[in-house]
Amino acid sequence: MNNTLKIAIGADHAGFDYKEAIAKWLDADNLKDFGTYSSASADYPDFAHPVASAVENGEFDFGILVCGSANGVAITANKHQGIRAAICWNEELASLARKHNNANIVCIPARFISIEEAENIVKAFLSTEFEGGRHANRVNKIAC
């Protein structure tokens, strides 16, 4: 994995174990954990907003968010201008989110995939480049 990438990570209680496993697997010097720090019940916006803000302001290159379905963290993160958070439950979606949508946050549904699948999704997401071209025209039309 590219250890020069700056990555923000966060999760609610449903995604806590996956967040911990992904962070350990990444073992990146430039990884910041925005919480939660236990499996006690927690509100996903409390972690999705700080991760999205950190990516939005350029402090981090990419974000990783994990919750039970990935819907809550994706909806929250996508409230931020310049954030393109994609729910990905397999490697192909993760690659396409980067290639075609220039997604900068991957949202993982912990209750529907294995930790191994989550790690493969993150690997695909972080190693895929945006194709630009016709896709850039579309991405440029996203912001209101």
Protein backbone atom coordinates (compact mmCIF):
# COMPACT_ATOMS: atom_id res chain seq x y z
CA MET A 1 0.00 0.00 0.00
CA ASN A 2 1.15 3.55 -0.73
CA ASN A 3 2.36 4.79 2.67
CA THR A 4 2.63 8.37 1.40
CA LEU A 5 -1.15 8.70 1.20
CA LYS A 6 -2.73 10.50 4.11
CA ILE A 7 -5.82 8.57 5.18
CA ALA A 8 -8.58 9.48 7.64
CA ILE A 9 -10.63 6.63 9.11
CA GLY A 10 -13.74 6.51 11.26
CA ALA A 11 -16.60 4.25 12.26
CA ASP A 12 -19.57 3.94 14.55
CA HIS A 13 -20.04 1.03 16.96
CA ALA A 14 -21.20 -1.34 14.19
CA GLY A 15 -18.02 -0.67 12.23
CA PHE A 16 -15.60 -0.48 15.15
CA ASP A 17 -14.06 -3.96 14.75
CA TYR A 18 -13.65 -3.47 11.00
CA LYS A 19 -12.09 -0.03 11.48
CA GLU A 20 -9.60 -1.49 13.93
CA ALA A 21 -8.72 -4.35 11.57
CA ILE A 22 -8.37 -2.05 8.54
CA ALA A 23 -6.21 0.42 10.46
CA LYS A 24 -3.95 -2.40 11.67
CA TRP A 25 -3.79 -3.91 8.18
CA LEU A 26 -2.93 -0.55 6.60
CA ASP A 27 -0.28 0.16 9.22
CA ALA A 28 0.24 3.55 7.60
CA ASP A 29 2.22 6.31 9.25
CA ASN A 30 -0.15 8.83 7.70
CA LEU A 31 -3.38 7.30 9.07
CA LYS A 32 -5.53 9.21 11.54
CA ASP A 33 -8.27 7.46 13.50
CA PHE A 34 -11.25 9.73 14.14
CA GLY A 35 -13.02 7.14 16.32
CA THR A 36 -15.12 5.60 17.67
CA TYR A 37 -12.75 3.93 20.06
CA SER A 38 -15.01 1.16 21.37
CA SER A 39 -18.00 -0.96 20.39
CA ALA A 40 -20.31 1.03 22.70
CA SER A 41 -23.29 2.56 20.91
CA ALA A 42 -22.25 5.70 19.03
CA ASP A 43 -23.77 8.05 16.45
CA TYR A 44 -22.22 7.74 12.97
CA PRO A 45 -22.33 11.50 12.18
CA ASP A 46 -19.94 12.10 15.09
CA PHE A 47 -17.25 10.27 13.10
CA ALA A 48 -18.34 10.79 9.50
CA HIS A 49 -18.28 14.60 9.72
CA PRO A 50 -14.69 14.84 11.06
CA VAL A 51 -13.40 12.37 8.46
CA ALA A 52 -15.22 14.21 5.66
CA SER A 53 -13.99 17.59 6.90
CA ALA A 54 -10.40 16.35 7.02
CA VAL A 55 -10.61 15.13 3.41
CA GLU A 56 -12.58 18.20 2.29
CA ASN A 57 -9.98 20.64 3.65
CA GLY A 58 -7.09 18.69 2.08
CA GLU A 59 -5.53 17.53 5.33
CA PHE A 60 -6.03 13.92 4.12
CA ASP A 61 -6.06 12.41 0.63
CA PHE A 62 -8.75 9.81 1.30
CA GLY A 63 -11.21 8.70 3.93
CA ILE A 64 -12.51 5.34 5.06
CA LEU A 65 -15.83 5.16 6.89
CA VAL A 66 -17.47 2.05 8.30
CA CYS A 67 -20.93 1.50 9.75
CA GLY A 68 -23.47 -1.31 9.66
CA SER A 69 -24.94 -0.60 6.23
CA ALA A 70 -22.56 2.20 5.08
CA ASN A 71 -25.64 4.30 4.27
CA GLY A 72 -25.47 6.56 7.31
CA VAL A 73 -21.82 7.46 6.94
CA ALA A 74 -22.16 7.95 3.16
CA ILE A 75 -25.17 10.24 3.50
CA THR A 76 -23.40 12.26 6.19
CA ALA A 77 -20.08 12.54 4.37
CA ASN A 78 -21.76 13.55 1.11
CA LYS A 79 -23.20 16.65 2.81
CA HIS A 80 -19.69 18.13 2.53
CA GLN A 81 -18.76 20.01 -0.65
CA GLY A 82 -16.01 18.27 -2.54
CA ILE A 83 -16.69 14.91 -0.94
CA ARG A 84 -17.63 11.97 -3.08
CA ALA A 85 -18.31 9.15 -0.64
CA ALA A 86 -19.12 5.81 -2.25
CA ILE A 87 -20.71 2.77 -0.65
CA CYS A 88 -18.67 -0.22 -1.77
CA TRP A 89 -19.39 -3.86 -0.97
CA ASN A 90 -16.93 -5.39 -3.43
CA GLU A 91 -13.63 -4.58 -5.12
CA GLU A 92 -15.16 -3.79 -8.51
CA LEU A 93 -17.38 -1.08 -7.05
CA ALA A 94 -14.41 0.38 -5.19
CA SER A 95 -12.35 0.53 -8.39
CA LEU A 96 -15.23 2.05 -10.36
CA ALA A 97 -15.90 4.61 -7.64
CA ARG A 98 -12.33 5.83 -8.07
CA LYS A 99 -12.05 5.43 -11.88
CA HIS A 100 -15.36 7.00 -12.83
CA ASN A 101 -16.46 9.12 -9.87
CA ASN A 102 -13.16 10.22 -8.35
CA ALA A 103 -14.54 9.12 -4.99
CA ASN A 104 -12.41 10.29 -2.09
CA ILE A 105 -14.13 8.39 0.74
CA VAL A 106 -14.96 4.70 0.71
CA CYS A 107 -17.92 3.63 2.87
CA ILE A 108 -17.95 0.02 4.00
CA PRO A 109 -21.03 -1.95 5.18
CA ALA A 110 -19.66 -4.02 8.08
CA ARG A 111 -22.82 -6.06 8.58
CA PHE A 112 -22.78 -7.38 5.02
CA ILE A 113 -19.18 -8.28 4.18
CA SER A 114 -16.22 -9.99 5.83
CA ILE A 115 -13.20 -8.14 7.21
CA GLU A 116 -11.12 -9.73 4.46
CA GLU A 117 -13.51 -8.33 1.83
CA ALA A 118 -13.33 -4.93 3.51
CA GLU A 119 -9.53 -4.95 3.32
CA ASN A 120 -9.67 -5.91 -0.38
CA ILE A 121 -12.13 -3.08 -1.01
CA VAL A 122 -9.81 -0.59 0.68
CA LYS A 123 -6.85 -1.92 -1.29
CA ALA A 124 -8.73 -1.56 -4.59
CA PHE A 125 -9.99 1.90 -3.64
CA LEU A 126 -6.60 3.26 -2.63
CA SER A 127 -4.70 1.73 -5.57
CA THR A 128 -7.04 2.88 -8.35
CA GLU A 129 -6.53 6.17 -10.17
CA PHE A 130 -9.27 8.47 -11.47
CA GLU A 131 -9.53 8.13 -15.27
CA GLY A 132 -10.51 11.73 -15.90
CA GLY A 133 -11.67 12.52 -19.44
CA ARG A 134 -15.41 12.20 -19.91
CA HIS A 135 -15.69 11.18 -16.26
CA ALA A 136 -14.14 14.50 -15.15
CA ASN A 137 -16.89 16.38 -16.98
CA ARG A 138 -19.49 14.46 -15.00
CA VAL A 139 -17.73 14.80 -11.66
CA ASN A 140 -17.41 18.55 -12.23
CA LYS A 141 -21.23 18.75 -12.51
CA ILE A 142 -21.84 17.21 -9.05
CA ALA A 143 -21.40 20.32 -6.88
CA CYS A 144 -24.43 22.57 -6.57
